[in-house]
Protein backbone atom coordinates (compact mmCIF):
# COMPACT_ATOMS: atom_id res chain seq x y z
CA MET A 1 -83.44 -59.47 58.49
CA ASN A 2 -85.71 -56.77 59.86
CA LEU A 3 -86.91 -55.93 63.36
CA THR A 4 -90.05 -58.07 63.04
CA ASP A 5 -87.81 -61.17 62.66
CA ALA A 6 -85.55 -60.39 65.64
CA GLN A 7 -85.43 -62.66 68.70
CA ILE A 8 -86.60 -61.24 72.02
CA GLY A 9 -83.71 -60.26 74.30
CA LYS A 10 -80.98 -60.47 71.67
CA GLU A 11 -79.01 -57.36 70.71
CA TYR A 12 -78.73 -56.50 67.01
CA SER A 13 -77.08 -53.69 65.08
CA ILE A 14 -79.15 -51.51 62.76
CA THR A 15 -77.82 -51.66 59.20
CA GLU A 16 -80.35 -49.50 57.40
CA ILE A 17 -83.67 -47.69 57.71
CA ALA A 18 -85.63 -48.68 54.59
CA THR A 19 -88.28 -45.98 54.21
CA LYS A 20 -88.87 -43.44 51.48
CA ASP A 21 -90.46 -41.00 53.93
CA GLU A 22 -87.97 -38.30 54.95
CA GLU A 23 -90.12 -37.22 57.88
CA LEU A 24 -90.19 -40.77 59.25
CA ASP A 25 -86.41 -41.07 58.77
CA ALA A 26 -85.92 -37.85 60.74
CA PHE A 27 -88.24 -39.06 63.51
CA LEU A 28 -86.40 -42.38 63.86
CA PHE A 29 -83.08 -40.55 63.90
CA THR A 30 -84.27 -38.45 66.87
CA LEU A 31 -85.03 -41.71 68.72
CA GLY A 32 -81.46 -42.88 68.10
CA CYS A 33 -82.52 -45.34 65.43
CA TYR A 34 -79.82 -45.12 62.73
CA SER A 35 -77.17 -47.28 61.09
CA GLY A 36 -74.69 -48.86 63.51
CA GLU A 37 -76.83 -48.35 66.61
CA PRO A 38 -77.63 -51.40 68.80
CA VAL A 39 -81.30 -52.35 69.28
CA THR A 40 -83.00 -55.07 71.36
CA VAL A 41 -86.57 -56.38 71.13
CA ILE A 42 -87.98 -56.40 74.67
CA SER A 43 -91.38 -57.94 73.93
CA ARG A 44 -93.90 -58.55 71.19
CA ARG A 45 -97.48 -57.36 71.03
CA LYS A 46 -100.26 -58.32 68.63
CA GLY A 47 -99.60 -55.40 66.26
CA GLY A 48 -95.92 -54.73 66.91
CA CYS A 49 -93.08 -54.88 69.40
CA VAL A 50 -91.40 -52.99 72.22
CA VAL A 51 -87.75 -52.18 71.53
CA SER A 52 -84.86 -50.73 73.49
CA ILE A 53 -82.77 -48.14 71.64
CA LYS A 54 -80.11 -46.24 73.58
CA ASP A 55 -81.71 -45.43 76.96
CA GLY A 56 -85.33 -45.56 75.80
CA ARG A 57 -88.06 -48.10 75.20
CA TYR A 58 -90.41 -47.61 72.28
CA ASN A 59 -93.51 -49.36 71.01
CA MET A 60 -93.38 -49.85 67.21
CA ASP A 61 -96.05 -51.26 64.94
CA ASN A 62 -95.12 -54.06 62.54
CA GLN A 63 -95.04 -51.76 59.51
CA LEU A 64 -92.46 -49.47 61.09
CA ALA A 65 -90.48 -52.40 62.55
CA SER A 66 -90.24 -54.04 59.12
CA ALA A 67 -88.47 -50.91 57.79
CA ILE A 68 -85.60 -51.30 60.29
CA LEU A 69 -83.01 -53.70 58.85
CA LEU A 70 -80.62 -55.52 61.20
CA ARG A 71 -77.54 -57.70 61.45
CA GLU A 72 -76.43 -59.85 64.36
């Protein structure tokens, strides 16, 4: 399952970041988005979603959200 399939308000654990872009991987890591970290979808927008990672809230488009793989 990826972040675009996640239910709003439910906490998930990140299992993998599935990108081949090292710069994007590094950026997500600085946000606290890496394997084992909890993430919650706060709301959905037309082109993406708002997520809570650590102490921050971030708006992600659907392409980026689909690269973040989760487990319950």
